[in-house]
Amino acid sequence: MSDTKETAELAICMGSSCFSRGNKHNIKIIKEYIDRHGLCGRVALKGHLCEGLCKDGPNITLNGEVFHSIDSASINVLLEENIRKQE
């Protein structure tokens, strides 16, 4: 059995709509979460340009799956359910 833990890929929409509707704040929450749980080497955090899903935003893509309407309440649940469970 391998001790290698999978790296999660977390991409945040940096388009003006998603950014102004909450992803600016979500980035801070995600960074704090990564630091608090010692996940620095386990989460690849990056931004991407608008993908045309503005009406459903703020949007975050985690391991290829797009999550819509992510706010400060739902971001922690998303991280717990999709990153911490991989440990």
N, C-alpha and C. Protein backbone atom coordinates (compact mmCIF):
# COMPACT_ATOMS: atom_id res chain seq x y z
N MET A 1 0.84 -1.17 0.00
CA MET A 1 0.00 0.00 0.00
C MET A 1 0.89 1.24 0.00
N SER A 2 0.50 2.25 -0.75
CA SER A 2 1.31 3.46 -0.90
C SER A 2 0.95 4.50 0.15
N ASP A 3 1.97 5.25 0.60
CA ASP A 3 1.75 6.36 1.53
C ASP A 3 1.52 7.67 0.79
N THR A 4 1.59 7.66 -0.53
CA THR A 4 1.43 8.85 -1.33
C THR A 4 -0.02 9.32 -1.27
N LYS A 5 -0.20 10.57 -0.87
CA LYS A 5 -1.54 11.14 -0.82
C LYS A 5 -1.79 11.93 -2.09
N GLU A 6 -3.00 11.83 -2.55
CA GLU A 6 -3.40 12.50 -3.78
C GLU A 6 -3.43 14.01 -3.59
N THR A 7 -3.01 14.74 -4.62
CA THR A 7 -3.08 16.19 -4.59
C THR A 7 -4.40 16.64 -5.19
N ALA A 8 -5.11 17.48 -4.47
CA ALA A 8 -6.36 18.04 -4.96
C ALA A 8 -6.05 19.28 -5.79
N GLU A 9 -6.76 19.44 -6.91
CA GLU A 9 -6.59 20.62 -7.74
C GLU A 9 -7.80 21.52 -7.57
N LEU A 10 -7.57 22.71 -7.05
CA LEU A 10 -8.63 23.66 -6.75
C LEU A 10 -8.42 24.91 -7.60
N ALA A 11 -9.36 25.18 -8.51
CA ALA A 11 -9.25 26.34 -9.40
C ALA A 11 -10.39 27.31 -9.11
N ILE A 12 -10.04 28.54 -8.89
CA ILE A 12 -11.01 29.57 -8.55
C ILE A 12 -11.21 30.48 -9.75
N CYS A 13 -12.48 30.71 -10.10
CA CYS A 13 -12.77 31.63 -11.21
C CYS A 13 -12.40 33.04 -10.79
N MET A 14 -11.57 33.68 -11.60
CA MET A 14 -11.12 35.03 -11.32
C MET A 14 -11.81 36.05 -12.23
N GLY A 15 -12.84 35.59 -12.95
CA GLY A 15 -13.62 36.51 -13.78
C GLY A 15 -14.24 37.58 -12.91
N SER A 16 -14.51 38.74 -13.47
CA SER A 16 -14.97 39.87 -12.66
C SER A 16 -16.26 39.58 -11.91
N SER A 17 -17.18 38.84 -12.49
CA SER A 17 -18.44 38.55 -11.81
C SER A 17 -18.22 37.64 -10.60
N CYS A 18 -17.55 36.51 -10.80
CA CYS A 18 -17.30 35.58 -9.69
C CYS A 18 -16.42 36.22 -8.62
N PHE A 19 -15.43 36.95 -9.06
CA PHE A 19 -14.50 37.57 -8.11
C PHE A 19 -15.22 38.57 -7.22
N SER A 20 -16.04 39.42 -7.83
CA SER A 20 -16.74 40.45 -7.04
C SER A 20 -17.90 39.87 -6.24
N ARG A 21 -18.44 38.73 -6.66
CA ARG A 21 -19.58 38.13 -5.96
C ARG A 21 -19.16 37.17 -4.85
N GLY A 22 -17.85 37.01 -4.62
CA GLY A 22 -17.47 36.20 -3.48
C GLY A 22 -16.15 35.48 -3.57
N ASN A 23 -15.62 35.26 -4.77
CA ASN A 23 -14.37 34.50 -4.85
C ASN A 23 -13.18 35.26 -4.29
N LYS A 24 -13.27 36.59 -4.23
CA LYS A 24 -12.19 37.35 -3.58
C LYS A 24 -12.09 36.92 -2.12
N HIS A 25 -13.20 36.78 -1.45
CA HIS A 25 -13.24 36.35 -0.05
C HIS A 25 -12.96 34.85 0.06
N ASN A 26 -13.48 34.07 -0.89
CA ASN A 26 -13.27 32.61 -0.86
C ASN A 26 -11.80 32.24 -0.92
N ILE A 27 -11.02 33.00 -1.67
CA ILE A 27 -9.58 32.73 -1.76
C ILE A 27 -8.94 32.82 -0.37
N LYS A 28 -9.30 33.84 0.38
CA LYS A 28 -8.76 34.00 1.73
C LYS A 28 -9.14 32.82 2.62
N ILE A 29 -10.40 32.42 2.55
CA ILE A 29 -10.88 31.29 3.35
C ILE A 29 -10.13 30.01 2.98
N ILE A 30 -9.95 29.78 1.69
CA ILE A 30 -9.26 28.56 1.22
C ILE A 30 -7.81 28.55 1.70
N LYS A 31 -7.12 29.67 1.56
CA LYS A 31 -5.72 29.74 2.01
C LYS A 31 -5.61 29.50 3.51
N GLU A 32 -6.51 30.08 4.29
CA GLU A 32 -6.51 29.87 5.73
C GLU A 32 -6.79 28.40 6.06
N TYR A 33 -7.70 27.79 5.34
CA TYR A 33 -8.05 26.39 5.55
C TYR A 33 -6.85 25.48 5.27
N ILE A 34 -6.17 25.74 4.16
CA ILE A 34 -4.99 24.96 3.78
C ILE A 34 -3.91 25.07 4.85
N ASP A 35 -3.66 26.29 5.31
CA ASP A 35 -2.66 26.51 6.37
C ASP A 35 -3.06 25.84 7.68
N ARG A 36 -4.29 26.02 8.08
CA ARG A 36 -4.78 25.50 9.36
C ARG A 36 -4.71 23.98 9.43
N HIS A 37 -4.94 23.32 8.29
CA HIS A 37 -4.98 21.86 8.26
C HIS A 37 -3.70 21.23 7.71
N GLY A 38 -2.67 22.03 7.49
CA GLY A 38 -1.40 21.52 7.01
C GLY A 38 -1.48 20.83 5.66
N LEU A 39 -2.25 21.42 4.75
CA LEU A 39 -2.48 20.81 3.44
C LEU A 39 -1.70 21.47 2.31
N CYS A 40 -0.69 22.23 2.66
CA CYS A 40 0.05 23.01 1.68
C CYS A 40 0.55 22.19 0.49
N GLY A 41 1.08 21.03 0.72
CA GLY A 41 1.58 20.19 -0.36
C GLY A 41 0.53 19.30 -0.99
N ARG A 42 -0.68 19.35 -0.47
CA ARG A 42 -1.73 18.46 -0.93
C ARG A 42 -2.80 19.14 -1.77
N VAL A 43 -2.76 20.48 -1.86
CA VAL A 43 -3.76 21.22 -2.63
C VAL A 43 -3.04 22.14 -3.59
N ALA A 44 -3.33 21.97 -4.87
CA ALA A 44 -2.79 22.86 -5.91
C ALA A 44 -3.85 23.94 -6.16
N LEU A 45 -3.61 25.13 -5.65
CA LEU A 45 -4.55 26.23 -5.75
C LEU A 45 -4.15 27.12 -6.92
N LYS A 46 -5.11 27.38 -7.80
CA LYS A 46 -4.83 28.25 -8.93
C LYS A 46 -6.09 29.00 -9.33
N GLY A 47 -5.92 30.02 -10.12
CA GLY A 47 -7.04 30.80 -10.64
C GLY A 47 -7.20 30.54 -12.12
N HIS A 48 -8.38 30.81 -12.62
CA HIS A 48 -8.60 30.70 -14.06
C HIS A 48 -9.53 31.82 -14.52
N LEU A 49 -9.52 32.07 -15.80
CA LEU A 49 -10.36 33.12 -16.37
C LEU A 49 -11.80 32.65 -16.44
N CYS A 50 -12.68 33.58 -16.75
CA CYS A 50 -14.11 33.31 -16.84
C CYS A 50 -14.38 32.18 -17.83
N GLU A 51 -15.27 31.27 -17.41
CA GLU A 51 -15.68 30.16 -18.27
C GLU A 51 -17.12 30.31 -18.74
N GLY A 52 -17.69 31.51 -18.54
CA GLY A 52 -19.04 31.77 -19.03
C GLY A 52 -20.15 31.23 -18.15
N LEU A 53 -19.86 30.95 -16.90
CA LEU A 53 -20.87 30.42 -15.98
C LEU A 53 -21.26 31.48 -14.95
N CYS A 54 -21.17 32.72 -15.34
CA CYS A 54 -21.33 33.86 -14.42
C CYS A 54 -22.64 33.83 -13.65
N LYS A 55 -23.72 33.48 -14.30
CA LYS A 55 -25.02 33.51 -13.63
C LYS A 55 -25.11 32.51 -12.49
N ASP A 56 -24.23 31.52 -12.48
CA ASP A 56 -24.22 30.50 -11.44
C ASP A 56 -23.14 30.72 -10.39
N GLY A 57 -22.40 31.81 -10.51
CA GLY A 57 -21.24 32.03 -9.66
C GLY A 57 -21.55 32.54 -8.29
N PRO A 58 -20.52 32.63 -7.48
CA PRO A 58 -19.12 32.35 -7.75
C PRO A 58 -18.87 30.85 -7.96
N ASN A 59 -17.98 30.56 -8.91
CA ASN A 59 -17.68 29.18 -9.29
C ASN A 59 -16.27 28.79 -8.87
N ILE A 60 -16.18 27.55 -8.42
CA ILE A 60 -14.89 26.95 -8.05
C ILE A 60 -14.86 25.55 -8.65
N THR A 61 -13.72 25.18 -9.22
CA THR A 61 -13.56 23.84 -9.78
C THR A 61 -12.61 23.05 -8.88
N LEU A 62 -13.07 21.89 -8.46
CA LEU A 62 -12.28 21.03 -7.60
C LEU A 62 -12.16 19.68 -8.25
N ASN A 63 -10.91 19.31 -8.60
CA ASN A 63 -10.62 18.04 -9.28
C ASN A 63 -11.51 17.83 -10.50
N GLY A 64 -11.70 18.91 -11.27
CA GLY A 64 -12.44 18.83 -12.53
C GLY A 64 -13.95 19.01 -12.40
N GLU A 65 -14.47 19.04 -11.19
CA GLU A 65 -15.91 19.22 -10.99
C GLU A 65 -16.18 20.67 -10.61
N VAL A 66 -17.13 21.30 -11.32
CA VAL A 66 -17.46 22.70 -11.08
C VAL A 66 -18.54 22.79 -10.01
N PHE A 67 -18.30 23.66 -9.03
CA PHE A 67 -19.26 23.94 -7.97
C PHE A 67 -19.71 25.38 -8.12
N HIS A 68 -21.01 25.60 -8.02
CA HIS A 68 -21.61 26.92 -8.25
C HIS A 68 -22.10 27.55 -6.95
N SER A 69 -22.28 28.85 -6.98
CA SER A 69 -22.83 29.63 -5.87
C SER A 69 -22.08 29.37 -4.56
N ILE A 70 -20.77 29.32 -4.64
CA ILE A 70 -19.95 29.05 -3.46
C ILE A 70 -19.79 30.34 -2.66
N ASP A 71 -20.21 30.26 -1.40
CA ASP A 71 -20.07 31.41 -0.50
C ASP A 71 -19.28 31.00 0.73
N SER A 72 -19.14 31.93 1.66
CA SER A 72 -18.30 31.65 2.83
C SER A 72 -18.84 30.50 3.68
N ALA A 73 -20.14 30.25 3.64
CA ALA A 73 -20.71 29.14 4.40
C ALA A 73 -20.45 27.80 3.71
N SER A 74 -20.59 27.77 2.41
CA SER A 74 -20.46 26.50 1.69
C SER A 74 -19.02 26.11 1.37
N ILE A 75 -18.09 27.07 1.39
CA ILE A 75 -16.72 26.75 1.02
C ILE A 75 -16.08 25.79 2.02
N ASN A 76 -16.33 25.97 3.30
CA ASN A 76 -15.75 25.07 4.30
C ASN A 76 -16.32 23.66 4.17
N VAL A 77 -17.61 23.54 3.89
CA VAL A 77 -18.23 22.24 3.68
C VAL A 77 -17.62 21.57 2.46
N LEU A 78 -17.46 22.33 1.39
CA LEU A 78 -16.86 21.80 0.16
C LEU A 78 -15.45 21.28 0.43
N LEU A 79 -14.66 22.03 1.16
CA LEU A 79 -13.29 21.61 1.47
C LEU A 79 -13.26 20.38 2.36
N GLU A 80 -14.10 20.36 3.37
CA GLU A 80 -14.15 19.21 4.28
C GLU A 80 -14.56 17.94 3.54
N GLU A 81 -15.59 18.04 2.72
CA GLU A 81 -16.12 16.87 2.04
C GLU A 81 -15.24 16.38 0.89
N ASN A 82 -14.45 17.26 0.30
CA ASN A 82 -13.72 16.87 -0.89
C ASN A 82 -12.20 16.87 -0.76
N ILE A 83 -11.67 17.47 0.27
CA ILE A 83 -10.21 17.46 0.45
C ILE A 83 -9.83 16.69 1.70
N ARG A 84 -10.42 17.01 2.82
CA ARG A 84 -10.04 16.33 4.06
C ARG A 84 -10.41 14.86 4.04
N LYS A 85 -11.48 14.48 3.34
CA LYS A 85 -11.87 13.07 3.32
C LYS A 85 -10.86 12.19 2.58
N GLN A 86 -9.98 12.82 1.79
CA GLN A 86 -8.96 12.07 1.04
C GLN A 86 -7.80 11.67 1.93
N GLU A 87 -7.72 12.20 3.14
CA GLU A 87 -6.59 11.91 4.03
C GLU A 87 -6.61 10.48 4.50
